[in-house]
C-alpha atoms as a PDB file:
ATOM      1  CA  MET A   1      34.884  55.913 147.100  1.00  0.00           C
ATOM      2  CA  ILE A   2      35.433  52.982 149.461  1.00  0.00           C
ATOM      3  CA  CYS A   3      32.278  51.444 150.898  1.00  0.00           C
ATOM      4  CA  TYR A   4      32.955  50.362 154.477  1.00  0.00           C
ATOM      5  CA  ASP A   5      30.533  48.751 156.940  1.00  0.00           C
ATOM      6  CA  GLY A   6      32.985  47.448 159.519  1.00  0.00           C
ATOM      7  CA  SER A   7      32.840  43.844 158.277  1.00  0.00           C
ATOM      8  CA  LEU A   8      35.808  41.571 157.574  1.00  0.00           C
ATOM      9  CA  ALA A   9      34.909  41.633 153.877  1.00  0.00           C
ATOM     10  CA  ALA A  10      34.996  45.446 153.796  1.00  0.00           C
ATOM     11  CA  GLY A  11      38.333  45.568 155.600  1.00  0.00           C
ATOM     12  CA  ALA A  12      39.787  42.956 153.248  1.00  0.00           C
ATOM     13  CA  ALA A  13      38.569  45.006 150.277  1.00  0.00           C
ATOM     14  CA  ILE A  14      40.523  48.039 151.494  1.00  0.00           C
ATOM     15  CA  ASP A  15      43.657  45.956 151.991  1.00  0.00           C
ATOM     16  CA  CYS A  16      43.388  44.240 148.589  1.00  0.00           C
ATOM     17  CA  ALA A  17      42.576  47.449 146.742  1.00  0.00           C
ATOM     18  CA  GLY A  18      45.628  49.048 148.337  1.00  0.00           C
ATOM     19  CA  SER A  19      47.770  46.328 146.741  1.00  0.00           C
ATOM     20  CA  LEU A  20      46.003  46.611 143.383  1.00  0.00           C
ATOM     21  CA  LEU A  21      45.893  50.386 142.940  1.00  0.00           C
ATOM     22  CA  PRO A  22      48.423  53.213 143.299  1.00  0.00           C
ATOM     23  CA  PRO A  23      48.127  55.552 146.310  1.00  0.00           C
ATOM     24  CA  ALA A  24      45.137  57.850 145.969  1.00  0.00           C
ATOM     25  CA  GLN A  25      42.827  60.236 147.753  1.00  0.00           C
ATOM     26  CA  GLY A  26      39.211  59.417 148.366  1.00  0.00           C
ATOM     27  CA  TRP A  27      36.323  58.846 150.714  1.00  0.00           C
ATOM     28  CA  ILE A  28      35.327  56.167 153.203  1.00  0.00           C
ATOM     29  CA  ALA A  29      31.566  55.871 152.705  1.00  0.00           C
ATOM     30  CA  HIS A  30      29.564  54.445 155.605  1.00  0.00           C
ATOM     31  CA  LEU A  31      25.786  54.130 155.650  1.00  0.00           C
ATOM     32  CA  TRP A  32      24.026  54.575 158.955  1.00  0.00           C
ATOM     33  CA  VAL A  33      21.483  51.763 158.640  1.00  0.00           C
ATOM     34  CA  PRO A  34      18.595  50.883 161.030  1.00  0.00           C
ATOM     35  CA  PRO A  35      18.365  50.024 163.874  1.00  0.00           C
ATOM     36  CA  PHE A  36      21.055  52.737 164.355  1.00  0.00           C
ATOM     37  CA  ALA A  37      22.762  50.860 167.206  1.00  0.00           C
ATOM     38  CA  SER A  38      23.657  47.335 168.226  1.00  0.00           C
ATOM     39  CA  ASP A  39      21.225  45.131 170.168  1.00  0.00           C
ATOM     40  CA  ALA A  40      23.409  45.274 173.278  1.00  0.00           C
ATOM     41  CA  LEU A  41      23.565  49.069 173.134  1.00  0.00           C
ATOM     42  CA  ARG A  42      19.790  49.393 172.700  1.00  0.00           C
ATOM     43  CA  ARG A  43      19.147  47.151 175.720  1.00  0.00           C
ATOM     44  CA  GLN A  44      21.555  49.214 177.792  1.00  0.00           C
ATOM     45  CA  LEU A  45      19.868  52.449 176.740  1.00  0.00           C
ATOM     46  CA  TRP A  46      16.375  51.085 177.432  1.00  0.00           C
ATOM     47  CA  HIS A  47      17.275  50.219 181.027  1.00  0.00           C
ATOM     48  CA  GLY A  48      18.610  53.730 181.545  1.00  0.00           C
ATOM     49  CA  THR A  49      15.551  55.638 180.311  1.00  0.00           C
ATOM     50  CA  ARG A  50      11.952  55.970 181.490  1.00  0.00           C
ATOM     51  CA  ARG A  51      10.300  57.548 178.449  1.00  0.00           C
ATOM     52  CA  VAL A  52      10.128  56.316 174.880  1.00  0.00           C
ATOM     53  CA  ASP A  53      11.076  59.766 173.563  1.00  0.00           C
ATOM     54  CA  ASP A  54      14.247  59.737 175.648  1.00  0.00           C
ATOM     55  CA  PHE A  55      15.004  56.210 174.458  1.00  0.00           C
ATOM     56  CA  VAL A  56      14.621  57.171 170.790  1.00  0.00           C
ATOM     57  CA  ALA A  57      16.800  60.264 171.234  1.00  0.00           C
ATOM     58  CA  ALA A  58      19.472  58.193 172.965  1.00  0.00           C
ATOM     59  CA  ILE A  59      19.467  55.632 170.131  1.00  0.00           C
ATOM     60  CA  GLU A  60      19.836  58.416 167.577  1.00  0.00           C
ATOM     61  CA  ARG A  61      22.742  59.925 169.515  1.00  0.00           C
ATOM     62  CA  GLU A  62      24.588  56.667 170.154  1.00  0.00           C
ATOM     63  CA  GLY A  63      23.870  55.318 166.676  1.00  0.00           C
ATOM     64  CA  ALA A  64      25.391  58.414 165.089  1.00  0.00           C
ATOM     65  CA  ALA A  65      28.470  58.105 167.294  1.00  0.00           C
ATOM     66  CA  GLU A  66      28.819  54.426 166.392  1.00  0.00           C
ATOM     67  CA  ALA A  67      28.585  55.264 162.671  1.00  0.00           C
ATOM     68  CA  GLU A  68      31.275  57.924 162.962  1.00  0.00           C
ATOM     69  CA  ARG A  69      33.497  55.498 164.863  1.00  0.00           C
ATOM     70  CA  LEU A  70      33.164  52.829 162.159  1.00  0.00           C
ATOM     71  CA  ALA A  71      33.906  55.334 159.405  1.00  0.00           C
ATOM     72  CA  GLY A  72      36.986  56.430 161.354  1.00  0.00           C
ATOM     73  CA  MET A  73      38.158  52.814 161.497  1.00  0.00           C
ATOM     74  CA  GLY A  74      37.840  52.683 157.717  1.00  0.00           C
ATOM     75  CA  VAL A  75      39.988  55.811 157.397  1.00  0.00           C
ATOM     76  CA  ILE A  76      42.693  54.170 159.536  1.00  0.00           C
ATOM     77  CA  LEU A  77      42.622  50.990 157.411  1.00  0.00           C
ATOM     78  CA  ALA A  78      42.802  53.043 154.222  1.00  0.00           C
ATOM     79  CA  LYS A  79      45.807  54.989 155.516  1.00  0.00           C
ATOM     80  CA  ALA A  80      47.574  51.705 156.270  1.00  0.00           C
ATOM     81  CA  ALA A  81      46.850  50.685 152.660  1.00  0.00           C
ATOM     82  CA  GLY A  82      48.472  53.890 151.370  1.00  0.00           C
ATOM     83  CA  TRP A  83      45.394  56.059 150.766  1.00  0.00           C
ATOM     84  CA  GLU A  84      44.496  59.423 152.232  1.00  0.00           C
ATOM     85  CA  THR A  85      40.746  59.420 152.847  1.00  0.00           C
ATOM     86  CA  GLU A  86      38.056  61.323 154.675  1.00  0.00           C
ATOM     87  CA  PRO A  87      34.875  59.816 156.141  1.00  0.00           C
ATOM     88  CA  VAL A  88      31.448  60.350 154.593  1.00  0.00           C
ATOM     89  CA  VAL A  89      28.604  59.123 156.805  1.00  0.00           C
ATOM     90  CA  ALA A  90      25.096  58.985 155.353  1.00  0.00           C
ATOM     91  CA  ARG A  91      21.871  57.999 157.090  1.00  0.00           C
ATOM     92  CA  SER A  92      19.939  55.185 155.454  1.00  0.00           C
ATOM     93  CA  TYR A  93      16.593  53.478 155.890  1.00  0.00           C
ATOM     94  CA  GLY A  94      17.426  50.421 153.793  1.00  0.00           C
ATOM     95  CA  GLY A  95      18.288  49.838 150.159  1.00  0.00           C
ATOM     96  CA  GLU A  96      22.002  50.256 150.838  1.00  0.00           C
ATOM     97  CA  GLY A  97      23.043  49.448 147.271  1.00  0.00           C
ATOM     98  CA  LEU A  98      20.885  52.189 145.779  1.00  0.00           C
ATOM     99  CA  GLN A  99      21.959  54.715 148.381  1.00  0.00           C
ATOM    100  CA  LEU A 100      25.629  53.943 147.757  1.00  0.00           C
ATOM    101  CA  ALA A 101      25.027  54.470 144.032  1.00  0.00           C
ATOM    102  CA  GLU A 102      23.328  57.806 144.806  1.00  0.00           C
ATOM    103  CA  LEU A 103      26.239  58.812 147.037  1.00  0.00           C
ATOM    104  CA  ALA A 104      28.622  58.000 144.190  1.00  0.00           C
ATOM    105  CA  GLU A 105      26.671  60.367 141.938  1.00  0.00           C
ATOM    106  CA  LYS A 106      27.250  63.171 144.451  1.00  0.00           C
ATOM    107  CA  LEU A 107      30.932  62.460 145.103  1.00  0.00           C
ATOM    108  CA  ASP A 108      31.736  61.517 141.460  1.00  0.00           C
ATOM    109  CA  PRO A 109      34.795  59.324 142.198  1.00  0.00           C
ATOM    110  CA  ASP A 110      36.964  57.621 139.593  1.00  0.00           C
ATOM    111  CA  LEU A 111      36.239  54.263 141.216  1.00  0.00           C
ATOM    112  CA  ILE A 112      33.931  52.664 143.773  1.00  0.00           C
ATOM    113  CA  VAL A 113      35.442  49.926 145.948  1.00  0.00           C
ATOM    114  CA  LEU A 114      33.469  47.430 147.985  1.00  0.00           C
ATOM    115  CA  GLY A 115      33.813  43.929 149.314  1.00  0.00           C
ATOM    116  CA  SER A 116      31.744  40.877 148.535  1.00  0.00           C
ATOM    117  CA  ARG A 117      31.004  38.158 151.029  1.00  0.00           C
ATOM    118  CA  GLY A 118      31.342  35.538 148.307  1.00  0.00           C
ATOM    119  CA  LEU A 119      27.662  34.673 148.017  1.00  0.00           C
ATOM    120  CA  GLY A 120      26.738  32.396 145.151  1.00  0.00           C
ATOM    121  CA  GLY A 121      23.598  31.382 143.310  1.00  0.00           C
ATOM    122  CA  ALA A 122      20.243  32.908 144.257  1.00  0.00           C
ATOM    123  CA  ARG A 123      21.592  34.558 147.411  1.00  0.00           C
ATOM    124  CA  ALA A 124      24.045  36.536 145.295  1.00  0.00           C
ATOM    125  CA  VAL A 125      21.502  37.504 142.649  1.00  0.00           C
ATOM    126  CA  PHE A 126      18.781  38.673 145.006  1.00  0.00           C
ATOM    127  CA  GLY A 127      19.598  41.349 147.541  1.00  0.00           C
ATOM    128  CA  SER A 128      23.353  41.606 147.135  1.00  0.00           C
ATOM    129  CA  VAL A 129      24.542  45.148 147.848  1.00  0.00           C
ATOM    130  CA  SER A 130      27.449  44.758 145.422  1.00  0.00           C
ATOM    131  CA  ASP A 131      25.098  43.651 142.631  1.00  0.00           C
ATOM    132  CA  VAL A 132      22.868  46.691 143.114  1.00  0.00           C
ATOM    133  CA  VAL A 133      25.821  49.089 143.203  1.00  0.00           C
ATOM    134  CA  VAL A 134      27.189  47.574 139.978  1.00  0.00           C
ATOM    135  CA  HIS A 135      23.783  47.922 138.289  1.00  0.00           C
ATOM    136  CA  TYR A 136      23.189  51.568 139.210  1.00  0.00           C
ATOM    137  CA  ALA A 137      26.517  53.261 139.957  1.00  0.00           C
ATOM    138  CA  PRO A 138      27.689  55.862 137.412  1.00  0.00           C
ATOM    139  CA  ARG A 139      31.373  55.001 137.822  1.00  0.00           C
ATOM    140  CA  PRO A 140      33.476  51.812 137.547  1.00  0.00           C
ATOM    141  CA  VAL A 141      33.019  49.478 140.510  1.00  0.00           C
ATOM    142  CA  LEU A 142      35.763  47.257 141.955  1.00  0.00           C
ATOM    143  CA  VAL A 143      34.295  44.293 143.826  1.00  0.00           C
ATOM    144  CA  VAL A 144      36.784  42.363 145.961  1.00  0.00           C
ATOM    145  CA  PRO A 145      35.703  38.800 146.814  1.00  0.00           C
ATOM    146  CA  HIS A 146      36.040  37.481 150.349  1.00  0.00           C
ATOM    147  CA  PRO A 147      37.779  35.311 151.258  1.00  0.00           C
ATOM    148  CA  MET A 148      40.604  35.003 148.722  1.00  0.00           C
ATOM    149  CA  LEU A 149      43.178  32.205 148.491  1.00  0.00           C
ATOM    150  CA  THR A 150      46.858  32.937 149.104  1.00  0.00           C
ATOM    151  CA  THR A 151      47.661  32.461 145.383  1.00  0.00           C
ATOM    152  CA  GLU A 152      45.008  34.998 144.430  1.00  0.00           C
ATOM    153  CA  ARG A 153      46.223  37.487 147.021  1.00  0.00           C
ATOM    154  CA  ALA A 154      49.831  37.001 145.884  1.00  0.00           C
ATOM    155  CA  ALA A 155      48.851  38.083 142.365  1.00  0.00           C
ATOM    156  CA  LEU A 156      47.481  41.447 143.553  1.00  0.00           C
ATOM    157  CA  ALA A 157      50.794  43.263 143.736  1.00  0.00           C
ATOM    158  CA  ALA A 158      52.180  42.591 140.256  1.00  0.00           C
ATOM    159  CA  GLY A 159      49.842  40.305 138.310  1.00  0.00           C
ATOM    160  CA  PRO A 160      48.512  41.364 134.897  1.00  0.00           C
ATOM    161  CA  VAL A 161      44.995  42.695 134.371  1.00  0.00           C
ATOM    162  CA  ILE A 162      42.565  40.748 132.175  1.00  0.00           C
ATOM    163  CA  VAL A 163      40.096  42.831 130.126  1.00  0.00           C
ATOM    164  CA  GLY A 164      37.080  41.102 128.582  1.00  0.00           C
ATOM    165  CA  TRP A 165      37.237  42.029 124.899  1.00  0.00           C
ATOM    166  CA  ASP A 166      34.674  41.880 122.072  1.00  0.00           C
ATOM    167  CA  GLY A 167      35.580  45.060 120.205  1.00  0.00           C
ATOM    168  CA  SER A 168      32.445  46.902 121.395  1.00  0.00           C
ATOM    169  CA  ALA A 169      32.214  50.419 122.783  1.00  0.00           C
ATOM    170  CA  GLY A 170      31.726  48.827 126.198  1.00  0.00           C
ATOM    171  CA  ALA A 171      34.936  46.827 125.796  1.00  0.00           C
ATOM    172  CA  HIS A 172      36.805  49.986 124.767  1.00  0.00           C
ATOM    173  CA  ARG A 173      35.516  51.738 127.894  1.00  0.00           C
ATOM    174  CA  ALA A 174      36.670  48.781 129.980  1.00  0.00           C
ATOM    175  CA  LEU A 175      40.125  48.994 128.388  1.00  0.00           C
ATOM    176  CA  ASP A 176      40.292  52.769 128.989  1.00  0.00           C
ATOM    177  CA  ALA A 177      39.332  52.250 132.638  1.00  0.00           C
ATOM    178  CA  ALA A 178      41.932  49.482 133.059  1.00  0.00           C
ATOM    179  CA  GLU A 179      44.686  51.696 131.648  1.00  0.00           C
ATOM    180  CA  MET A 180      43.641  54.599 133.865  1.00  0.00           C
ATOM    181  CA  LEU A 181      43.281  52.568 137.070  1.00  0.00           C
ATOM    182  CA  PHE A 182      46.112  50.068 136.594  1.00  0.00           C
ATOM    183  CA  GLY A 183      48.657  52.218 134.750  1.00  0.00           C
ATOM    184  CA  GLY A 184      52.005  50.465 134.393  1.00  0.00           C
ATOM    185  CA  ARG A 185      50.622  46.939 134.653  1.00  0.00           C
ATOM    186  CA  ARG A 186      50.537  44.431 131.830  1.00  0.00           C
ATOM    187  CA  ILE A 187      47.041  44.388 130.320  1.00  0.00           C
ATOM    188  CA  LEU A 188      45.799  41.338 128.419  1.00  0.00           C
ATOM    189  CA  LEU A 189      42.651  41.429 126.282  1.00  0.00           C
ATOM    190  CA  ALA A 190      40.689  38.194 126.572  1.00  0.00           C
ATOM    191  CA  ALA A 191      38.705  37.677 123.350  1.00  0.00           C
ATOM    192  CA  VAL A 192      36.134  34.926 123.759  1.00  0.00           C
ATOM    193  CA  ALA A 193      36.012  32.513 120.820  1.00  0.00           C
ATOM    194  CA  ASP A 194      32.238  32.322 120.365  1.00  0.00           C
ATOM    195  CA  GLY A 195      32.294  33.199 116.677  1.00  0.00           C
ATOM    196  CA  GLU A 196      34.111  36.186 115.180  1.00  0.00           C
ATOM    197  CA  VAL A 197      37.111  37.187 117.301  1.00  0.00           C
ATOM    198  CA  ALA A 198      37.450  40.962 117.691  1.00  0.00           C
ATOM    199  CA  VAL A 199      40.767  42.482 116.633  1.00  0.00           C
ATOM    200  CA  PRO A 200      42.588  44.193 119.533  1.00  0.00           C
ATOM    201  CA  PRO A 201      43.704  47.838 119.276  1.00  0.00           C
ATOM    202  CA  PRO A 202      47.280  48.381 118.061  1.00  0.00           C
ATOM    203  CA  GLY A 203      49.898  47.795 120.697  1.00  0.00           C
ATOM    204  CA  HIS A 204      47.730  45.564 122.903  1.00  0.00           C
ATOM    205  CA  GLU A 205      48.168  41.895 123.678  1.00  0.00           C
ATOM    206  CA  SER A 206      45.246  39.583 123.040  1.00  0.00           C
ATOM    207  CA  LEU A 207      44.413  36.074 124.154  1.00  0.00           C
ATOM    208  CA  VAL A 208      41.728  33.981 122.461  1.00  0.00           C
ATOM    209  CA  VAL A 209      39.711  32.274 125.191  1.00  0.00           C
ATOM    210  CA  GLU A 210      38.061  29.015 124.208  1.00  0.00           C
ATOM    211  CA  VAL A 211      34.569  28.614 125.640  1.00  0.00           C
ATOM    212  CA  GLU A 212      33.422  25.282 127.034  1.00  0.00           C
ATOM    213  CA  HIS A 213      29.648  25.208 126.559  1.00  0.00           C
ATOM    214  CA  ARG A 214      28.768  23.400 129.759  1.00  0.00           C
ATOM    215  CA  HIS A 215      26.088  25.725 131.051  1.00  0.00           C
ATOM    216  CA  PRO A 216      22.790  26.861 129.535  1.00  0.00           C
ATOM    217  CA  THR A 217      23.560  30.530 130.158  1.00  0.00           C
ATOM    218  CA  ILE A 218      26.217  32.247 128.041  1.00  0.00           C
ATOM    219  CA  GLY A 219      27.015  34.616 130.912  1.00  0.00           C
ATOM    220  CA  ARG A 220      28.289  31.922 133.238  1.00  0.00           C
ATOM    221  CA  THR A 221      30.056  30.103 130.401  1.00  0.00           C
ATOM    222  CA  VAL A 222      32.047  33.189 129.418  1.00  0.00           C
ATOM    223  CA  ALA A 223      32.659  34.158 133.057  1.00  0.00           C
ATOM    224  CA  GLU A 224      34.188  30.755 133.779  1.00  0.00           C
ATOM    225  CA  ALA A 225      36.368  31.111 130.675  1.00  0.00           C
ATOM    226  CA  LEU A 226      37.598  34.505 131.912  1.00  0.00           C
ATOM    227  CA  ALA A 227      38.236  33.059 135.355  1.00  0.00           C
ATOM    228  CA  ARG A 228      40.197  30.207 133.801  1.00  0.00           C
ATOM    229  CA  VAL A 229      42.486  32.460 131.782  1.00  0.00           C
ATOM    230  CA  ALA A 230      42.923  34.758 134.804  1.00  0.00           C
ATOM    231  CA  ALA A 231      44.128  31.794 136.846  1.00  0.00           C
ATOM    232  CA  GLU A 232      46.468  30.655 134.066  1.00  0.00           C
ATOM    233  CA  GLN A 233      47.980  34.134 133.768  1.00  0.00           C
ATOM    234  CA  GLN A 234      48.040  34.681 137.562  1.00  0.00           C
ATOM    235  CA  ALA A 235      46.060  37.866 136.973  1.00  0.00           C
ATOM    236  CA  SER A 236      45.508  40.446 139.672  1.00  0.00           C
ATOM    237  CA  ALA A 237      42.041  41.492 138.453  1.00  0.00           C
ATOM    238  CA  ILE A 238      39.476  41.180 135.676  1.00  0.00           C
ATOM    239  CA  VAL A 239      37.854  44.207 134.004  1.00  0.00           C
ATOM    240  CA  VAL A 240      34.589  43.867 132.070  1.00  0.00           C
ATOM    241  CA  GLY A 241      32.204  46.294 130.430  1.00  0.00           C
ATOM    242  CA  SER A 242      28.457  46.285 130.932  1.00  0.00           C
ATOM    243  CA  ARG A 243      27.524  46.584 127.237  1.00  0.00           C
ATOM    244  CA  GLY A 244      28.367  44.616 124.098  1.00  0.00           C
ATOM    245  CA  ARG A 245      28.317  45.131 120.321  1.00  0.00           C
ATOM    246  CA  SER A 246      24.557  45.056 119.666  1.00  0.00           C
ATOM    247  CA  VAL A 247      21.286  44.924 121.560  1.00  0.00           C
ATOM    248  CA  PRO A 248      21.453  41.125 122.036  1.00  0.00           C
ATOM    249  CA  ARG A 249      25.156  41.374 122.848  1.00  0.00           C
ATOM    250  CA  GLU A 250      24.498  44.160 125.350  1.00  0.00           C
ATOM    251  CA  ILE A 251      22.174  41.831 127.202  1.00  0.00           C
ATOM    252  CA  LEU A 252      24.659  38.972 127.011  1.00  0.00           C
ATOM    253  CA  LEU A 253      27.625  41.057 128.090  1.00  0.00           C
ATOM    254  CA  GLY A 254      25.595  42.410 130.975  1.00  0.00           C
ATOM    255  CA  SER A 255      24.997  38.838 132.089  1.00  0.00           C
ATOM    256  CA  VAL A 256      28.710  38.155 131.639  1.00  0.00           C
ATOM    257  CA  ALA A 257      29.553  41.036 133.963  1.00  0.00           C
ATOM    258  CA  MET A 258      27.266  39.758 136.698  1.00  0.00           C
ATOM    259  CA  ALA A 259      28.324  36.139 136.239  1.00  0.00           C
ATOM    260  CA  THR A 260      31.966  37.193 136.470  1.00  0.00           C
ATOM    261  CA  LEU A 261      31.241  38.816 139.818  1.00  0.00           C
ATOM    262  CA  HIS A 262      29.581  35.663 141.113  1.00  0.00           C
ATOM    263  CA  HIS A 263      31.955  33.017 139.754  1.00  0.00           C
ATOM    264  CA  THR A 264      35.413  34.601 139.758  1.00  0.00           C
ATOM    265  CA  PRO A 265      37.522  34.377 142.928  1.00  0.00           C
ATOM    266  CA  ARG A 266      39.508  37.475 141.942  1.00  0.00           C
ATOM    267  CA  PRO A 267      38.791  41.216 142.095  1.00  0.00           C
ATOM    268  CA  VAL A 268      36.488  42.340 139.279  1.00  0.00           C
ATOM    269  CA  VAL A 269      35.985  45.848 137.891  1.00  0.00           C
ATOM    270  CA  VAL A 270      32.671  46.442 136.101  1.00  0.00           C
ATOM    271  CA  VAL A 271      32.655  49.546 133.898  1.00  0.00           C
ATOM    272  CA  PRO A 272      29.197  51.031 133.218  1.00  0.00           C
ATOM    273  CA  HIS A 273      28.222  51.943 129.679  1.00  0.00           C
ATOM    274  CA  GLN A 274      28.061  55.686 130.489  1.00  0.00           C
ATOM    275  CA  SER A 275      31.482  55.758 132.154  1.00  0.00           C
ATOM    276  CA  ALA A 276      34.441  57.613 130.716  1.00  0.00           C
ATOM    277  CA  ALA A 277      38.007  57.288 131.976  1.00  0.00           C
ATOM    278  CA  ARG A 278      39.453  60.359 133.657  1.00  0.00           C
ATOM    279  CA  SER A 279      41.769  61.250 136.512  1.00  0.00           C
ATOM    280  CA  GLY A 280      41.005  62.778 139.896  1.00  0.00           C
ATOM    281  CA  LYS A 281      39.878  61.511 143.254  1.00  0.00           C
ATOM    282  CA  ALA A 282      39.246  57.789 143.669  1.00  0.00           C
END
């Protein structure tokens, strides 16, 4: 399920995901959000009507047409990226992140794709649509940062995939999702050296990532370590789980997932704790 709102970030997400993932079938999800039409269109409609009821009806009509047009643009971009998609337009009254998560429950895709405008700090934590989708979506979520440097974009086609590894059930789910989504690519398990280093499953490569304790929050510290090893390996993406080995570790790994989204200039897949890898539509 590709979330598309007509922005440059959303278009870039489709293009980047097309380089990252094999050809697939799916949906272009567009939310019809108030005020249902652009300012210029509303002014034009107001001058052409005499009654408020007619004005409201005209906004509804033109807003719906505009939403369908934008979703159609997303379908065209997805086709250029190698995907066969169909539009899904849903009406919204705000809370886009939650509504996208609800839509994902109905469609049940293998993966949710959306772009990030690269917000950092408090602006990213509070009110970010991508953050809310990651928190509540029942399926893995691929967040593509915008903009990306040429070196980061060059790694999309053939770069390895980094999986955050601590040996937990969440890490195993992240590894399963990486193998399902990025089949055929080299997968490296990044084990953070913050104490006991988890043993990787047989047949998997592992890198021990040294943590530089420069920040008071473990989430950002580990996220920067993952970003560092991803840059060294010229990785195409990073995959992290949302749960760790114990209750405290679950909280910490959750913070790692969010910090990775905010501080990594590469595509990030966050795998929810209830997710299970499978094949089908994406």
